[in-house]
Amino acid sequence: GVYWQLVRAGFRRQSHYRLAMLAGL
């Protein structure tokens, strides 16, 4: 459960970098 929460936290963390994702695309 702890590791699953860390997976979710990483997913949310990356979702904050929308401009970086656009630049990467």
PDB file of all heavy atoms in Angstrom:
ATOM      1  N   GLY A   1       0.808  -1.209   0.000  1.00  0.00           N
ATOM      2  CA  GLY A   1       0.000   0.000   0.000  1.00  0.00           C
ATOM      3  C   GLY A   1       0.842   1.259   0.000  1.00  0.00           C
ATOM      4  O   GLY A   1       0.513   2.235  -0.685  1.00  0.00           O
ATOM      5  N   VAL A   2       1.940   1.240   0.729  1.00  0.00           N
ATOM      6  CA  VAL A   2       2.830   2.404   0.761  1.00  0.00           C
ATOM      7  C   VAL A   2       3.436   2.640  -0.619  1.00  0.00           C
ATOM      8  O   VAL A   2       3.460   3.778  -1.116  1.00  0.00           O
ATOM      9  CB  VAL A   2       3.948   2.199   1.804  1.00  0.00           C
ATOM     10  CG1 VAL A   2       5.011   3.288   1.666  1.00  0.00           C
ATOM     11  CG2 VAL A   2       3.375   2.208   3.210  1.00  0.00           C
ATOM     12  N   TYR A   3       3.913   1.584  -1.260  1.00  0.00           N
ATOM     13  CA  TYR A   3       4.527   1.740  -2.574  1.00  0.00           C
ATOM     14  C   TYR A   3       3.494   2.191  -3.611  1.00  0.00           C
ATOM     15  O   TYR A   3       3.814   2.976  -4.508  1.00  0.00           O
ATOM     16  CB  TYR A   3       5.192   0.435  -3.009  1.00  0.00           C
ATOM     17  CG  TYR A   3       6.379   0.053  -2.151  1.00  0.00           C
ATOM     18  CD1 TYR A   3       6.458  -1.195  -1.538  1.00  0.00           C
ATOM     19  CD2 TYR A   3       7.421   0.951  -1.942  1.00  0.00           C
ATOM     20  CE1 TYR A   3       7.538  -1.540  -0.749  1.00  0.00           C
ATOM     21  CE2 TYR A   3       8.510   0.614  -1.150  1.00  0.00           C
ATOM     22  CZ  TYR A   3       8.552  -0.633  -0.556  1.00  0.00           C
ATOM     23  OH  TYR A   3       9.632  -0.961   0.240  1.00  0.00           O
ATOM     24  N   TRP A   4       2.266   1.694  -3.482  1.00  0.00           N
ATOM     25  CA  TRP A   4       1.210   2.127  -4.395  1.00  0.00           C
ATOM     26  C   TRP A   4       0.924   3.615  -4.218  1.00  0.00           C
ATOM     27  O   TRP A   4       0.705   4.333  -5.200  1.00  0.00           O
ATOM     28  CB  TRP A   4      -0.045   1.293  -4.188  1.00  0.00           C
ATOM     29  CG  TRP A   4      -1.227   1.766  -4.980  1.00  0.00           C
ATOM     30  CD1 TRP A   4      -2.406   2.248  -4.511  1.00  0.00           C
ATOM     31  CD2 TRP A   4      -1.328   1.807  -6.408  1.00  0.00           C
ATOM     32  NE1 TRP A   4      -3.242   2.592  -5.535  1.00  0.00           N
ATOM     33  CE2 TRP A   4      -2.605   2.327  -6.722  1.00  0.00           C
ATOM     34  CE3 TRP A   4      -0.463   1.457  -7.454  1.00  0.00           C
ATOM     35  CZ2 TRP A   4      -3.032   2.510  -8.035  1.00  0.00           C
ATOM     36  CZ3 TRP A   4      -0.894   1.634  -8.761  1.00  0.00           C
ATOM     37  CH2 TRP A   4      -2.159   2.149  -9.033  1.00  0.00           C
ATOM     38  N   GLN A   5       0.947   4.072  -2.989  1.00  0.00           N
ATOM     39  CA  GLN A   5       0.752   5.505  -2.751  1.00  0.00           C
ATOM     40  C   GLN A   5       1.901   6.318  -3.354  1.00  0.00           C
ATOM     41  O   GLN A   5       1.688   7.433  -3.845  1.00  0.00           O
ATOM     42  CB  GLN A   5       0.652   5.778  -1.242  1.00  0.00           C
ATOM     43  CG  GLN A   5      -0.629   5.259  -0.597  1.00  0.00           C
ATOM     44  CD  GLN A   5      -1.879   5.859  -1.229  1.00  0.00           C
ATOM     45  OE1 GLN A   5      -1.922   7.047  -1.540  1.00  0.00           O
ATOM     46  NE2 GLN A   5      -2.893   5.025  -1.416  1.00  0.00           N
ATOM     47  N   LEU A   6       3.099   5.767  -3.333  1.00  0.00           N
ATOM     48  CA  LEU A   6       4.233   6.456  -3.946  1.00  0.00           C
ATOM     49  C   LEU A   6       4.088   6.511  -5.472  1.00  0.00           C
ATOM     50  O   LEU A   6       4.457   7.502  -6.104  1.00  0.00           O
ATOM     51  CB  LEU A   6       5.537   5.759  -3.575  1.00  0.00           C
ATOM     52  CG  LEU A   6       5.998   5.950  -2.125  1.00  0.00           C
ATOM     53  CD1 LEU A   6       7.178   5.035  -1.810  1.00  0.00           C
ATOM     54  CD2 LEU A   6       6.385   7.402  -1.870  1.00  0.00           C
ATOM     55  N   VAL A   7       3.545   5.443  -6.060  1.00  0.00           N
ATOM     56  CA  VAL A   7       3.262   5.465  -7.498  1.00  0.00           C
ATOM     57  C   VAL A   7       2.263   6.573  -7.812  1.00  0.00           C
ATOM     58  O   VAL A   7       2.458   7.365  -8.759  1.00  0.00           O
ATOM     59  CB  VAL A   7       2.705   4.103  -7.966  1.00  0.00           C
ATOM     60  CG1 VAL A   7       2.221   4.194  -9.413  1.00  0.00           C
ATOM     61  CG2 VAL A   7       3.779   3.014  -7.846  1.00  0.00           C
ATOM     62  N   ARG A   8       1.220   6.672  -7.030  1.00  0.00           N
ATOM     63  CA  ARG A   8       0.216   7.706  -7.252  1.00  0.00           C
ATOM     64  C   ARG A   8       0.800   9.101  -7.043  1.00  0.00           C
ATOM     65  O   ARG A   8       0.487  10.036  -7.793  1.00  0.00           O
ATOM     66  CB  ARG A   8      -0.969   7.486  -6.314  1.00  0.00           C
ATOM     67  CG  ARG A   8      -1.741   6.199  -6.574  1.00  0.00           C
ATOM     68  CD  ARG A   8      -2.872   6.015  -5.590  1.00  0.00           C
ATOM     69  NE  ARG A   8      -3.835   7.111  -5.662  1.00  0.00           N
ATOM     70  CZ  ARG A   8      -4.870   7.252  -4.833  1.00  0.00           C
ATOM     71  NH1 ARG A   8      -5.035   6.369  -3.846  1.00  0.00           N
ATOM     72  NH2 ARG A   8      -5.694   8.256  -4.978  1.00  0.00           N
ATOM     73  N   ALA A   9       1.662   9.226  -6.044  1.00  0.00           N
ATOM     74  CA  ALA A   9       2.295  10.524  -5.793  1.00  0.00           C
ATOM     75  C   ALA A   9       3.191  10.927  -6.964  1.00  0.00           C
ATOM     76  O   ALA A   9       3.216  12.101  -7.367  1.00  0.00           O
ATOM     77  CB  ALA A   9       3.112  10.467  -4.501  1.00  0.00           C
ATOM     78  N   GLY A  10       3.915   9.967  -7.526  1.00  0.00           N
ATOM     79  CA  GLY A  10       4.741  10.267  -8.688  1.00  0.00           C
ATOM     80  C   GLY A  10       3.913  10.671  -9.888  1.00  0.00           C
ATOM     81  O   GLY A  10       4.281  11.580 -10.646  1.00  0.00           O
ATOM     82  N   PHE A  11       2.771  10.023 -10.073  1.00  0.00           N
ATOM     83  CA  PHE A  11       1.858  10.366 -11.165  1.00  0.00           C
ATOM     84  C   PHE A  11       1.355  11.798 -11.012  1.00  0.00           C
ATOM     85  O   PHE A  11       1.373  12.585 -11.968  1.00  0.00           O
ATOM     86  CB  PHE A  11       0.687   9.381 -11.167  1.00  0.00           C
ATOM     87  CG  PHE A  11      -0.213   9.491 -12.366  1.00  0.00           C
ATOM     88  CD1 PHE A  11       0.007   8.706 -13.482  1.00  0.00           C
ATOM     89  CD2 PHE A  11      -1.281  10.376 -12.373  1.00  0.00           C
ATOM     90  CE1 PHE A  11      -0.824   8.793 -14.591  1.00  0.00           C
ATOM     91  CE2 PHE A  11      -2.119  10.481 -13.473  1.00  0.00           C
ATOM     92  CZ  PHE A  11      -1.888   9.678 -14.583  1.00  0.00           C
ATOM     93  N   ARG A  12       0.929  12.147  -9.790  1.00  0.00           N
ATOM     94  CA  ARG A  12       0.437  13.511  -9.543  1.00  0.00           C
ATOM     95  C   ARG A  12       1.565  14.532  -9.687  1.00  0.00           C
ATOM     96  O   ARG A  12       1.349  15.631 -10.216  1.00  0.00           O
ATOM     97  CB  ARG A  12      -0.180  13.604  -8.146  1.00  0.00           C
ATOM     98  CG  ARG A  12      -1.493  12.855  -7.986  1.00  0.00           C
ATOM     99  CD  ARG A  12      -2.193  13.260  -6.702  1.00  0.00           C
ATOM    100  NE  ARG A  12      -1.382  13.013  -5.522  1.00  0.00           N
ATOM    101  CZ  ARG A  12      -1.405  11.880  -4.842  1.00  0.00           C
ATOM    102  NH1 ARG A  12      -2.204  10.885  -5.218  1.00  0.00           N
ATOM    103  NH2 ARG A  12      -0.652  11.726  -3.772  1.00  0.00           N
ATOM    104  N   ARG A  13       2.735  14.181  -9.217  1.00  0.00           N
ATOM    105  CA  ARG A  13       3.882  15.094  -9.314  1.00  0.00           C
ATOM    106  C   ARG A  13       4.183  15.435 -10.767  1.00  0.00           C
ATOM    107  O   ARG A  13       4.388  16.603 -11.113  1.00  0.00           O
ATOM    108  CB  ARG A  13       5.099  14.452  -8.653  1.00  0.00           C
ATOM    109  CG  ARG A  13       6.403  15.232  -8.833  1.00  0.00           C
ATOM    110  CD  ARG A  13       7.563  14.461  -8.221  1.00  0.00           C
ATOM    111  NE  ARG A  13       8.846  15.106  -8.495  1.00  0.00           N
ATOM    112  CZ  ARG A  13      10.017  14.611  -8.131  1.00  0.00           C
ATOM    113  NH1 ARG A  13      10.068  13.474  -7.450  1.00  0.00           N
ATOM    114  NH2 ARG A  13      11.141  15.244  -8.440  1.00  0.00           N
ATOM    115  N   GLN A  14       4.196  14.426 -11.623  1.00  0.00           N
ATOM    116  CA  GLN A  14       4.513  14.670 -13.026  1.00  0.00           C
ATOM    117  C   GLN A  14       3.410  15.466 -13.725  1.00  0.00           C
ATOM    118  O   GLN A  14       3.687  16.223 -14.654  1.00  0.00           O
ATOM    119  CB  GLN A  14       4.726  13.337 -13.748  1.00  0.00           C
ATOM    120  CG  GLN A  14       5.383  13.450 -15.105  1.00  0.00           C
ATOM    121  CD  GLN A  14       6.846  13.836 -15.018  1.00  0.00           C
ATOM    122  OE1 GLN A  14       7.410  13.952 -13.932  1.00  0.00           O
ATOM    123  NE2 GLN A  14       7.481  14.034 -16.150  1.00  0.00           N
ATOM    124  N   SER A  15       2.175  15.330 -13.264  1.00  0.00           N
ATOM    125  CA  SER A  15       1.054  16.041 -13.900  1.00  0.00           C
ATOM    126  C   SER A  15       1.136  17.544 -13.704  1.00  0.00           C
ATOM    127  O   SER A  15       0.443  18.295 -14.394  1.00  0.00           O
ATOM    128  CB  SER A  15      -0.277  15.515 -13.344  1.00  0.00           C
ATOM    129  OG  SER A  15      -0.440  15.889 -11.974  1.00  0.00           O
ATOM    130  N   HIS A  16       1.964  18.005 -12.781  1.00  0.00           N
ATOM    131  CA  HIS A  16       2.100  19.441 -12.539  1.00  0.00           C
ATOM    132  C   HIS A  16       3.000  20.122 -13.571  1.00  0.00           C
ATOM    133  O   HIS A  16       3.005  21.345 -13.665  1.00  0.00           O
ATOM    134  CB  HIS A  16       2.669  19.686 -11.139  1.00  0.00           C
ATOM    135  CG  HIS A  16       1.743  19.241 -10.046  1.00  0.00           C
ATOM    136  ND1 HIS A  16       2.178  18.896  -8.787  1.00  0.00           N
ATOM    137  CD2 HIS A  16       0.399  19.071 -10.035  1.00  0.00           C
ATOM    138  CE1 HIS A  16       1.150  18.545  -8.036  1.00  0.00           C
ATOM    139  NE2 HIS A  16       0.056  18.640  -8.772  1.00  0.00           N
ATOM    140  N   TYR A  17       3.752  19.328 -14.338  1.00  0.00           N
ATOM    141  CA  TYR A  17       4.716  19.904 -15.282  1.00  0.00           C
ATOM    142  C   TYR A  17       4.145  19.875 -16.700  1.00  0.00           C
ATOM    143  O   TYR A  17       4.707  19.272 -17.612  1.00  0.00           O
ATOM    144  CB  TYR A  17       6.041  19.138 -15.210  1.00  0.00           C
ATOM    145  CG  TYR A  17       6.692  19.185 -13.853  1.00  0.00           C
ATOM    146  CD1 TYR A  17       6.595  18.110 -12.966  1.00  0.00           C
ATOM    147  CD2 TYR A  17       7.405  20.303 -13.449  1.00  0.00           C
ATOM    148  CE1 TYR A  17       7.194  18.148 -11.714  1.00  0.00           C
ATOM    149  CE2 TYR A  17       8.008  20.353 -12.194  1.00  0.00           C
ATOM    150  CZ  TYR A  17       7.898  19.270 -11.343  1.00  0.00           C
ATOM    151  OH  TYR A  17       8.484  19.312 -10.098  1.00  0.00           O
ATOM    152  N   ARG A  18       3.038  20.566 -16.894  1.00  0.00           N
ATOM    153  CA  ARG A  18       2.346  20.506 -18.183  1.00  0.00           C
ATOM    154  C   ARG A  18       3.159  21.172 -19.294  1.00  0.00           C
ATOM    155  O   ARG A  18       3.219  20.659 -20.410  1.00  0.00           O
ATOM    156  CB  ARG A  18       0.970  21.164 -18.057  1.00  0.00           C
ATOM    157  CG  ARG A  18       0.016  20.398 -17.141  1.00  0.00           C
ATOM    158  CD  ARG A  18      -1.369  21.022 -17.119  1.00  0.00           C
ATOM    159  NE  ARG A  18      -2.278  20.255 -16.275  1.00  0.00           N
ATOM    160  CZ  ARG A  18      -2.449  20.467 -14.974  1.00  0.00           C
ATOM    161  NH1 ARG A  18      -1.758  21.433 -14.365  1.00  0.00           N
ATOM    162  NH2 ARG A  18      -3.293  19.728 -14.276  1.00  0.00           N
ATOM    163  N   LEU A  19       3.776  22.308 -18.998  1.00  0.00           N
ATOM    164  CA  LEU A  19       4.573  22.983 -20.025  1.00  0.00           C
ATOM    165  C   LEU A  19       5.795  22.148 -20.404  1.00  0.00           C
ATOM    166  O   LEU A  19       6.190  22.102 -21.572  1.00  0.00           O
ATOM    167  CB  LEU A  19       5.009  24.368 -19.544  1.00  0.00           C
ATOM    168  CG  LEU A  19       3.908  25.435 -19.483  1.00  0.00           C
ATOM    169  CD1 LEU A  19       4.468  26.751 -18.958  1.00  0.00           C
ATOM    170  CD2 LEU A  19       3.280  25.627 -20.864  1.00  0.00           C
ATOM    171  N   ALA A  20       6.391  21.505 -19.412  1.00  0.00           N
ATOM    172  CA  ALA A  20       7.531  20.635 -19.699  1.00  0.00           C
ATOM    173  C   ALA A  20       7.098  19.456 -20.569  1.00  0.00           C
ATOM    174  O   ALA A  20       7.828  19.032 -21.480  1.00  0.00           O
ATOM    175  CB  ALA A  20       8.152  20.134 -18.403  1.00  0.00           C
ATOM    176  N   MET A  21       5.903  18.924 -20.312  1.00  0.00           N
ATOM    177  CA  MET A  21       5.388  17.837 -21.135  1.00  0.00           C
ATOM    178  C   MET A  21       5.150  18.300 -22.565  1.00  0.00           C
ATOM    179  O   MET A  21       5.446  17.589 -23.536  1.00  0.00           O
ATOM    180  CB  MET A  21       4.085  17.294 -20.536  1.00  0.00           C
ATOM    181  CG  MET A  21       4.237  16.582 -19.200  1.00  0.00           C
ATOM    182  SD  MET A  21       5.164  15.035 -19.287  1.00  0.00           S
ATOM    183  CE  MET A  21       6.757  15.594 -18.659  1.00  0.00           C
ATOM    184  N   LEU A  22       4.619  19.519 -22.726  1.00  0.00           N
ATOM    185  CA  LEU A  22       4.393  20.070 -24.060  1.00  0.00           C
ATOM    186  C   LEU A  22       5.718  20.264 -24.796  1.00  0.00           C
ATOM    187  O   LEU A  22       5.847  19.926 -25.985  1.00  0.00           O
ATOM    188  CB  LEU A  22       3.634  21.391 -23.966  1.00  0.00           C
ATOM    189  CG  LEU A  22       3.375  22.119 -25.299  1.00  0.00           C
ATOM    190  CD1 LEU A  22       2.546  21.240 -26.229  1.00  0.00           C
ATOM    191  CD2 LEU A  22       2.683  23.455 -25.044  1.00  0.00           C
ATOM    192  N   ALA A  23       6.709  20.805 -24.090  1.00  0.00           N
ATOM    193  CA  ALA A  23       8.033  20.988 -24.698  1.00  0.00           C
ATOM    194  C   ALA A  23       8.634  19.641 -25.095  1.00  0.00           C
ATOM    195  O   ALA A  23       9.243  19.503 -26.166  1.00  0.00           O
ATOM    196  CB  ALA A  23       8.959  21.721 -23.732  1.00  0.00           C
ATOM    197  N   GLY A  24       8.462  18.638 -24.246  1.00  0.00           N
ATOM    198  CA  GLY A  24       8.967  17.305 -24.562  1.00  0.00           C
ATOM    199  C   GLY A  24       8.272  16.716 -25.776  1.00  0.00           C
ATOM    200  O   GLY A  24       8.909  16.068 -26.614  1.00  0.00           O
ATOM    201  N   LEU A  25       6.962  16.949 -25.884  1.00  0.00           N
ATOM    202  CA  LEU A  25       6.217  16.444 -27.042  1.00  0.00           C
ATOM    203  C   LEU A  25       6.718  17.095 -28.327  1.00  0.00           C
ATOM    204  O   LEU A  25       6.930  16.415 -29.338  1.00  0.00           O
ATOM    205  CB  LEU A  25       4.726  16.722 -26.860  1.00  0.00           C
ATOM    206  CG  LEU A  25       3.837  16.426 -28.069  1.00  0.00           C
ATOM    207  CD1 LEU A  25       3.931  14.961 -28.462  1.00  0.00           C
ATOM    208  CD2 LEU A  25       2.391  16.828 -27.777  1.00  0.00           C
TER     209      LEU A  25
END
